[in-house]
Amino acid sequence: MFVASVGAMLGVSAAGVAAPPRAAVDQHFLAEVRGHGHAVAQGEDEALVVSAARKICQRRDSRTYMERRAATLTSDELAAVKRSFGDDSQGFIAVATDTFCS
């Protein structure tokens, strides 16, 4: 039991490799977004765009109605994505899935 607890605390994956900290993955995602030429305002918009991106993967992996519903983007998240990506929703989905769904 102790080994399992330590593994969970360290974020060890099934392959035995420590997963990067959540904040590092979020920052990598934002760097990728900006690297593709999309501006994301610091602060609340960053948090909303990251949340929306994470929900893309949650929604993709959902099995039940309740899981899909929990992963529905809020109007604030949709607005932040629109401010950053304009009409390029496919660009947003591509960066989100490349970062969070792999």
Protein backbone atom coordinates (compact mmCIF):
# COMPACT_ATOMS: atom_id res chain seq x y z
CA MET A 1 0.00 0.00 0.00
CA PHE A 2 2.84 2.41 0.83
CA VAL A 3 4.45 1.88 -2.60
CA ALA A 4 1.17 2.63 -4.36
CA SER A 5 0.74 5.80 -2.30
CA VAL A 6 4.25 7.01 -3.11
CA GLY A 7 3.69 6.23 -6.79
CA ALA A 8 0.48 8.23 -6.79
CA MET A 9 2.17 11.15 -5.04
CA LEU A 10 4.98 11.22 -7.58
CA GLY A 11 2.63 10.95 -10.55
CA VAL A 12 4.18 7.72 -11.78
CA SER A 13 2.49 6.39 -14.87
CA ALA A 14 1.78 2.76 -15.69
CA ALA A 15 5.07 2.66 -17.60
CA GLY A 16 6.91 3.59 -14.42
CA VAL A 17 7.98 7.03 -15.63
CA ALA A 18 7.16 10.09 -13.58
CA ALA A 19 4.62 12.31 -15.30
CA PRO A 20 5.55 15.99 -15.63
CA PRO A 21 3.90 18.29 -13.10
CA ARG A 22 0.52 19.67 -14.20
CA ALA A 23 1.79 23.27 -14.19
CA ALA A 24 4.67 22.33 -16.49
CA VAL A 25 2.28 20.71 -18.97
CA ASP A 26 0.01 23.76 -18.83
CA GLN A 27 2.95 26.08 -19.54
CA HIS A 28 4.09 23.82 -22.40
CA PHE A 29 0.59 24.03 -23.89
CA LEU A 30 0.57 27.84 -23.63
CA ALA A 31 4.02 27.99 -25.25
CA GLU A 32 2.77 25.79 -28.10
CA VAL A 33 -0.29 27.99 -28.57
CA ARG A 34 1.87 31.12 -28.71
CA GLY A 35 4.36 29.32 -30.96
CA HIS A 36 1.52 28.79 -33.44
CA GLY A 37 0.94 32.56 -33.47
CA HIS A 38 -2.04 32.77 -31.12
CA ALA A 39 -2.05 35.35 -28.34
CA VAL A 40 -3.40 34.35 -24.93
CA ALA A 41 -3.84 37.13 -22.40
CA GLN A 42 -2.07 36.40 -19.14
CA GLY A 43 -4.16 35.60 -16.10
CA GLU A 44 -7.76 34.52 -16.43
CA ASP A 45 -7.64 33.83 -20.19
CA GLU A 46 -4.64 31.52 -19.71
CA ALA A 47 -6.52 29.55 -17.05
CA LEU A 48 -9.68 29.36 -19.17
CA VAL A 49 -7.89 28.25 -22.35
CA VAL A 50 -5.94 25.58 -20.43
CA SER A 51 -9.14 24.37 -18.77
CA ALA A 52 -10.89 24.17 -22.14
CA ALA A 53 -7.98 22.24 -23.64
CA ARG A 54 -7.97 19.72 -20.81
CA LYS A 55 -11.74 19.24 -21.24
CA ILE A 56 -11.23 18.38 -24.92
CA CYS A 57 -9.40 15.23 -23.83
CA GLN A 58 -11.78 14.49 -20.98
CA ARG A 59 -14.67 14.70 -23.40
CA ARG A 60 -12.93 12.47 -25.92
CA ASP A 61 -12.30 9.82 -23.26
CA SER A 62 -15.77 10.07 -21.68
CA ARG A 63 -17.84 6.96 -21.50
CA THR A 64 -20.98 8.17 -19.76
CA TYR A 65 -23.37 11.06 -20.20
CA MET A 66 -22.33 12.51 -16.84
CA GLU A 67 -18.64 12.39 -17.78
CA ARG A 68 -19.33 14.12 -21.11
CA ARG A 69 -21.50 16.72 -19.40
CA ALA A 70 -18.78 17.44 -16.81
CA ALA A 71 -16.35 18.05 -19.67
CA THR A 72 -18.59 20.57 -21.45
CA LEU A 73 -16.86 23.89 -22.02
CA THR A 74 -18.31 26.89 -20.21
CA SER A 75 -19.26 30.11 -21.99
CA ASP A 76 -16.22 31.78 -20.39
CA GLU A 77 -13.91 29.04 -21.71
CA LEU A 78 -15.43 29.28 -25.19
CA ALA A 79 -15.02 33.07 -25.17
CA ALA A 80 -11.36 32.82 -24.11
CA VAL A 81 -10.66 30.28 -26.87
CA LYS A 82 -12.41 32.56 -29.37
CA ARG A 83 -10.29 35.55 -28.23
CA SER A 84 -7.11 33.52 -28.65
CA PHE A 85 -7.89 31.44 -31.74
CA GLY A 86 -10.56 33.44 -33.54
CA ASP A 87 -12.28 31.14 -36.00
CA ASP A 88 -9.47 28.55 -35.86
CA SER A 89 -11.23 26.07 -33.56
CA GLN A 90 -9.50 23.17 -35.33
CA GLY A 91 -6.13 24.75 -34.49
CA PHE A 92 -7.14 24.90 -30.84
CA ILE A 93 -8.27 21.27 -30.87
CA ALA A 94 -5.04 20.16 -32.57
CA VAL A 95 -2.76 21.86 -30.02
CA ALA A 96 -4.95 20.69 -27.13
CA THR A 97 -4.95 17.05 -28.23
CA ASP A 98 -1.23 17.07 -29.02
CA THR A 99 -0.47 18.42 -25.55
CA PHE A 100 -3.03 16.88 -23.22
CA CYS A 101 -4.37 13.76 -24.95
CA SER A 102 -1.14 11.93 -25.65
